[in-house]
Amino acid sequence: MTVEQIELRKILTQMLADNGINRETIKGFVEEIVSEKVDRAIDRIIHETNMDSLVRTTIQNTINRTISDEVSWNVRRVLGSVSISIETHGSFRGGESDGKG
């Protein structure tokens, strides 16, 4: 450090001390800010996770209902008055079936 830098540091330290700010108060400010940012990040991640789950469930329900309706309609069309009940199983993830249904 140069002499000028040392003097500037002393002046700034004194100015902060005159206003009641020291290393401990600065540490408290930083902890408060970091804690707030972490809380916001956690809230954002939780919200995004919940949205992903909601979208995935809605898509899965729509696919199951559409498949069931389409199969039922085609069977009725081919077989006439035969009534069937379709139950779908499995999940849809990322464009691929899990192979269960």
N, C-alpha and C. Protein backbone atom coordinates (compact mmCIF):
# COMPACT_ATOMS: atom_id res chain seq x y z
N MET A 1 0.84 -1.18 0.00
CA MET A 1 0.00 0.00 0.00
C MET A 1 0.88 1.24 0.00
N THR A 2 0.41 2.21 -0.74
CA THR A 2 1.14 3.47 -0.76
C THR A 2 0.74 4.29 0.45
N VAL A 3 1.48 5.33 0.68
CA VAL A 3 1.19 6.22 1.81
C VAL A 3 -0.20 6.84 1.63
N GLU A 4 -0.53 7.20 0.40
CA GLU A 4 -1.84 7.80 0.13
C GLU A 4 -2.97 6.81 0.44
N GLN A 5 -2.78 5.56 0.06
CA GLN A 5 -3.79 4.54 0.32
C GLN A 5 -3.98 4.31 1.82
N ILE A 6 -2.87 4.31 2.54
CA ILE A 6 -2.94 4.12 4.00
C ILE A 6 -3.69 5.28 4.64
N GLU A 7 -3.39 6.49 4.21
CA GLU A 7 -4.07 7.67 4.76
C GLU A 7 -5.56 7.64 4.43
N LEU A 8 -5.87 7.30 3.19
CA LEU A 8 -7.28 7.22 2.79
C LEU A 8 -8.01 6.16 3.63
N ARG A 9 -7.35 5.05 3.87
CA ARG A 9 -7.96 4.00 4.69
C ARG A 9 -8.22 4.49 6.10
N LYS A 10 -7.28 5.20 6.67
CA LYS A 10 -7.45 5.76 8.03
C LYS A 10 -8.62 6.73 8.07
N ILE A 11 -8.69 7.60 7.05
CA ILE A 11 -9.77 8.60 7.00
C ILE A 11 -11.13 7.89 6.90
N LEU A 12 -11.22 6.91 6.01
CA LEU A 12 -12.49 6.19 5.85
C LEU A 12 -12.86 5.43 7.12
N THR A 13 -11.89 4.80 7.75
CA THR A 13 -12.15 4.08 8.99
C THR A 13 -12.67 5.03 10.06
N GLN A 14 -12.08 6.20 10.15
CA GLN A 14 -12.52 7.19 11.14
C GLN A 14 -13.93 7.69 10.83
N MET A 15 -14.20 7.95 9.54
CA MET A 15 -15.54 8.41 9.16
C MET A 15 -16.59 7.36 9.51
N LEU A 16 -16.29 6.11 9.24
CA LEU A 16 -17.23 5.04 9.58
C LEU A 16 -17.42 4.93 11.09
N ALA A 17 -16.31 5.02 11.83
CA ALA A 17 -16.38 4.93 13.29
C ALA A 17 -17.20 6.08 13.86
N ASP A 18 -17.06 7.27 13.28
CA ASP A 18 -17.84 8.43 13.75
C ASP A 18 -19.34 8.20 13.58
N ASN A 19 -19.71 7.36 12.63
CA ASN A 19 -21.12 7.07 12.38
C ASN A 19 -21.56 5.74 13.00
N GLY A 20 -20.71 5.18 13.86
CA GLY A 20 -21.08 3.95 14.57
C GLY A 20 -20.96 2.69 13.74
N ILE A 21 -20.17 2.73 12.70
CA ILE A 21 -20.01 1.56 11.84
C ILE A 21 -18.61 1.01 12.01
N ASN A 22 -18.55 -0.28 12.38
CA ASN A 22 -17.26 -0.95 12.51
C ASN A 22 -17.34 -2.31 11.81
N ARG A 23 -16.33 -3.12 11.98
CA ARG A 23 -16.31 -4.43 11.31
C ARG A 23 -17.52 -5.29 11.69
N GLU A 24 -17.90 -5.24 12.95
CA GLU A 24 -19.03 -6.06 13.41
C GLU A 24 -20.35 -5.60 12.79
N THR A 25 -20.57 -4.29 12.71
CA THR A 25 -21.82 -3.82 12.12
C THR A 25 -21.86 -4.11 10.62
N ILE A 26 -20.70 -3.97 9.96
CA ILE A 26 -20.64 -4.29 8.54
C ILE A 26 -20.91 -5.78 8.34
N LYS A 27 -20.35 -6.62 9.20
CA LYS A 27 -20.58 -8.05 9.13
C LYS A 27 -22.08 -8.35 9.26
N GLY A 28 -22.74 -7.66 10.17
CA GLY A 28 -24.19 -7.83 10.35
C GLY A 28 -24.97 -7.43 9.11
N PHE A 29 -24.57 -6.30 8.48
CA PHE A 29 -25.23 -5.85 7.25
C PHE A 29 -25.09 -6.91 6.15
N VAL A 30 -23.88 -7.42 6.00
CA VAL A 30 -23.62 -8.41 4.96
C VAL A 30 -24.42 -9.69 5.22
N GLU A 31 -24.43 -10.16 6.47
CA GLU A 31 -25.20 -11.36 6.80
C GLU A 31 -26.68 -11.18 6.50
N GLU A 32 -27.20 -10.00 6.82
CA GLU A 32 -28.61 -9.70 6.56
C GLU A 32 -28.91 -9.73 5.06
N ILE A 33 -28.05 -9.11 4.28
CA ILE A 33 -28.25 -9.06 2.83
C ILE A 33 -28.15 -10.45 2.22
N VAL A 34 -27.14 -11.21 2.62
CA VAL A 34 -26.96 -12.57 2.09
C VAL A 34 -28.15 -13.45 2.48
N SER A 35 -28.60 -13.34 3.71
CA SER A 35 -29.75 -14.13 4.17
C SER A 35 -31.00 -13.81 3.35
N GLU A 36 -31.22 -12.53 3.09
CA GLU A 36 -32.38 -12.11 2.29
C GLU A 36 -32.30 -12.67 0.87
N LYS A 37 -31.10 -12.62 0.27
CA LYS A 37 -30.94 -13.13 -1.09
C LYS A 37 -31.13 -14.65 -1.13
N VAL A 38 -30.64 -15.35 -0.12
CA VAL A 38 -30.82 -16.81 -0.06
C VAL A 38 -32.30 -17.14 0.09
N ASP A 39 -33.01 -16.42 0.95
CA ASP A 39 -34.45 -16.65 1.12
C ASP A 39 -35.20 -16.45 -0.20
N ARG A 40 -34.86 -15.39 -0.94
CA ARG A 40 -35.51 -15.14 -2.23
C ARG A 40 -35.22 -16.26 -3.22
N ALA A 41 -33.97 -16.73 -3.24
CA ALA A 41 -33.60 -17.81 -4.16
C ALA A 41 -34.35 -19.09 -3.82
N ILE A 42 -34.48 -19.39 -2.53
CA ILE A 42 -35.22 -20.58 -2.10
C ILE A 42 -36.68 -20.46 -2.51
N ASP A 43 -37.29 -19.31 -2.27
CA ASP A 43 -38.69 -19.10 -2.66
C ASP A 43 -38.88 -19.28 -4.17
N ARG A 44 -37.95 -18.75 -4.95
CA ARG A 44 -38.04 -18.86 -6.41
C ARG A 44 -37.95 -20.32 -6.84
N ILE A 45 -37.02 -21.07 -6.25
CA ILE A 45 -36.86 -22.49 -6.60
C ILE A 45 -38.10 -23.29 -6.22
N ILE A 46 -38.64 -23.02 -5.03
CA ILE A 46 -39.86 -23.72 -4.60
C ILE A 46 -40.99 -23.41 -5.56
N HIS A 47 -41.16 -22.16 -5.94
CA HIS A 47 -42.23 -21.77 -6.86
C HIS A 47 -42.06 -22.46 -8.21
N GLU A 48 -40.82 -22.46 -8.74
CA GLU A 48 -40.57 -23.10 -10.03
C GLU A 48 -40.83 -24.59 -9.97
N THR A 49 -40.43 -25.23 -8.87
CA THR A 49 -40.66 -26.66 -8.70
C THR A 49 -42.14 -26.96 -8.67
N ASN A 50 -42.91 -26.15 -7.94
CA ASN A 50 -44.35 -26.36 -7.87
C ASN A 50 -45.00 -26.16 -9.23
N MET A 51 -44.54 -25.19 -10.00
CA MET A 51 -45.08 -24.95 -11.33
C MET A 51 -44.77 -26.12 -12.25
N ASP A 52 -43.55 -26.65 -12.19
CA ASP A 52 -43.19 -27.80 -13.01
C ASP A 52 -44.09 -28.98 -12.70
N SER A 53 -44.32 -29.23 -11.43
CA SER A 53 -45.18 -30.33 -11.01
C SER A 53 -46.61 -30.12 -11.49
N LEU A 54 -47.11 -28.91 -11.36
CA LEU A 54 -48.47 -28.60 -11.80
C LEU A 54 -48.62 -28.80 -13.31
N VAL A 55 -47.66 -28.32 -14.08
CA VAL A 55 -47.71 -28.48 -15.54
C VAL A 55 -47.63 -29.95 -15.91
N ARG A 56 -46.70 -30.68 -15.27
CA ARG A 56 -46.54 -32.11 -15.56
C ARG A 56 -47.82 -32.88 -15.28
N THR A 57 -48.46 -32.61 -14.14
CA THR A 57 -49.70 -33.29 -13.77
C THR A 57 -50.82 -32.96 -14.75
N THR A 58 -50.94 -31.70 -15.13
CA THR A 58 -51.98 -31.29 -16.07
C THR A 58 -51.78 -31.97 -17.42
N ILE A 59 -50.55 -32.01 -17.91
CA ILE A 59 -50.27 -32.67 -19.18
C ILE A 59 -50.59 -34.15 -19.10
N GLN A 60 -50.17 -34.80 -18.01
CA GLN A 60 -50.42 -36.23 -17.85
C GLN A 60 -51.91 -36.53 -17.84
N ASN A 61 -52.68 -35.74 -17.11
CA ASN A 61 -54.13 -35.95 -17.05
C ASN A 61 -54.78 -35.75 -18.42
N THR A 62 -54.33 -34.73 -19.14
CA THR A 62 -54.88 -34.46 -20.47
C THR A 62 -54.56 -35.61 -21.43
N ILE A 63 -53.33 -36.09 -21.39
CA ILE A 63 -52.94 -37.21 -22.26
C ILE A 63 -53.77 -38.45 -21.94
N ASN A 64 -53.89 -38.79 -20.66
CA ASN A 64 -54.67 -39.97 -20.26
C ASN A 64 -56.12 -39.86 -20.72
N ARG A 65 -56.73 -38.71 -20.50
CA ARG A 65 -58.13 -38.50 -20.88
C ARG A 65 -58.29 -38.57 -22.40
N THR A 66 -57.36 -37.97 -23.15
CA THR A 66 -57.43 -37.98 -24.61
C THR A 66 -57.29 -39.39 -25.16
N ILE A 67 -56.32 -40.13 -24.65
CA ILE A 67 -56.13 -41.52 -25.10
C ILE A 67 -57.37 -42.35 -24.81
N SER A 68 -57.88 -42.23 -23.60
CA SER A 68 -59.07 -42.98 -23.21
C SER A 68 -60.25 -42.66 -24.11
N ASP A 69 -60.50 -41.38 -24.34
CA ASP A 69 -61.62 -40.96 -25.18
C ASP A 69 -61.45 -41.44 -26.62
N GLU A 70 -60.24 -41.33 -27.15
CA GLU A 70 -59.98 -41.72 -28.54
C GLU A 70 -60.15 -43.23 -28.73
N VAL A 71 -59.60 -44.02 -27.82
CA VAL A 71 -59.73 -45.48 -27.91
C VAL A 71 -61.20 -45.88 -27.79
N SER A 72 -61.90 -45.31 -26.82
CA SER A 72 -63.32 -45.62 -26.65
C SER A 72 -64.11 -45.28 -27.91
N TRP A 73 -63.87 -44.14 -28.48
CA TRP A 73 -64.60 -43.71 -29.68
C TRP A 73 -64.34 -44.65 -30.84
N ASN A 74 -63.06 -45.02 -31.04
CA ASN A 74 -62.71 -45.92 -32.15
C ASN A 74 -63.29 -47.31 -31.96
N VAL A 75 -63.29 -47.82 -30.73
CA VAL A 75 -63.87 -49.15 -30.47
C VAL A 75 -65.37 -49.11 -30.73
N ARG A 76 -66.05 -48.08 -30.27
CA ARG A 76 -67.49 -47.96 -30.50
C ARG A 76 -67.80 -47.86 -32.00
N ARG A 77 -66.98 -47.12 -32.70
CA ARG A 77 -67.19 -46.95 -34.14
C ARG A 77 -67.04 -48.28 -34.87
N VAL A 78 -66.03 -49.07 -34.48
CA VAL A 78 -65.77 -50.35 -35.15
C VAL A 78 -66.76 -51.43 -34.70
N LEU A 79 -67.02 -51.52 -33.42
CA LEU A 79 -67.84 -52.62 -32.89
C LEU A 79 -69.30 -52.26 -32.72
N GLY A 80 -69.68 -51.07 -33.00
CA GLY A 80 -71.08 -50.69 -32.90
C GLY A 80 -71.49 -50.33 -31.50
N SER A 81 -72.35 -51.13 -30.90
CA SER A 81 -72.94 -50.75 -29.61
C SER A 81 -72.18 -51.30 -28.41
N VAL A 82 -70.99 -51.86 -28.61
CA VAL A 82 -70.22 -52.39 -27.48
C VAL A 82 -69.71 -51.23 -26.64
N SER A 83 -69.88 -51.36 -25.35
CA SER A 83 -69.42 -50.32 -24.43
C SER A 83 -68.17 -50.82 -23.71
N ILE A 84 -67.14 -50.00 -23.66
CA ILE A 84 -65.92 -50.39 -22.96
C ILE A 84 -65.51 -49.30 -21.98
N SER A 85 -64.68 -49.70 -21.04
CA SER A 85 -64.12 -48.76 -20.07
C SER A 85 -62.61 -48.81 -20.20
N ILE A 86 -61.98 -47.68 -20.41
CA ILE A 86 -60.53 -47.61 -20.60
C ILE A 86 -59.92 -46.95 -19.37
N GLU A 87 -58.86 -47.59 -18.87
CA GLU A 87 -58.12 -47.01 -17.75
C GLU A 87 -56.66 -46.93 -18.16
N THR A 88 -56.07 -45.76 -18.14
CA THR A 88 -54.67 -45.60 -18.54
C THR A 88 -53.78 -45.59 -17.32
N HIS A 89 -52.57 -46.10 -17.49
CA HIS A 89 -51.58 -46.13 -16.41
C HIS A 89 -50.25 -45.65 -16.97
N GLY A 90 -49.39 -45.18 -16.10
CA GLY A 90 -48.07 -44.74 -16.54
C GLY A 90 -47.98 -43.24 -16.47
N SER A 91 -46.82 -42.75 -16.81
CA SER A 91 -46.62 -41.31 -16.76
C SER A 91 -45.91 -40.87 -18.02
N PHE A 92 -46.05 -39.62 -18.31
CA PHE A 92 -45.46 -39.01 -19.49
C PHE A 92 -44.41 -38.04 -19.02
N ARG A 93 -43.16 -38.26 -19.44
CA ARG A 93 -42.07 -37.37 -19.00
C ARG A 93 -41.19 -37.03 -20.19
N GLY A 94 -41.08 -35.75 -20.44
CA GLY A 94 -40.14 -35.27 -21.46
C GLY A 94 -40.34 -35.87 -22.83
N GLY A 95 -41.58 -36.14 -23.19
CA GLY A 95 -41.84 -36.63 -24.53
C GLY A 95 -41.81 -38.14 -24.66
N GLU A 96 -41.53 -38.87 -23.58
CA GLU A 96 -41.48 -40.32 -23.66
C GLU A 96 -42.34 -40.93 -22.57
N SER A 97 -42.96 -42.06 -22.88
CA SER A 97 -43.74 -42.79 -21.89
C SER A 97 -42.78 -43.56 -21.01
N ASP A 98 -43.21 -43.89 -19.81
CA ASP A 98 -42.34 -44.67 -18.93
C ASP A 98 -42.43 -46.16 -19.23
N GLY A 99 -43.24 -46.53 -20.22
CA GLY A 99 -43.33 -47.91 -20.63
C GLY A 99 -44.32 -48.73 -19.84
N LYS A 100 -45.00 -48.16 -18.88
CA LYS A 100 -45.94 -48.90 -18.04
C LYS A 100 -47.34 -48.93 -18.64
N GLY A 101 -47.65 -47.98 -19.52
CA GLY A 101 -49.03 -47.91 -19.94
C GLY A 101 -49.27 -48.04 -21.38
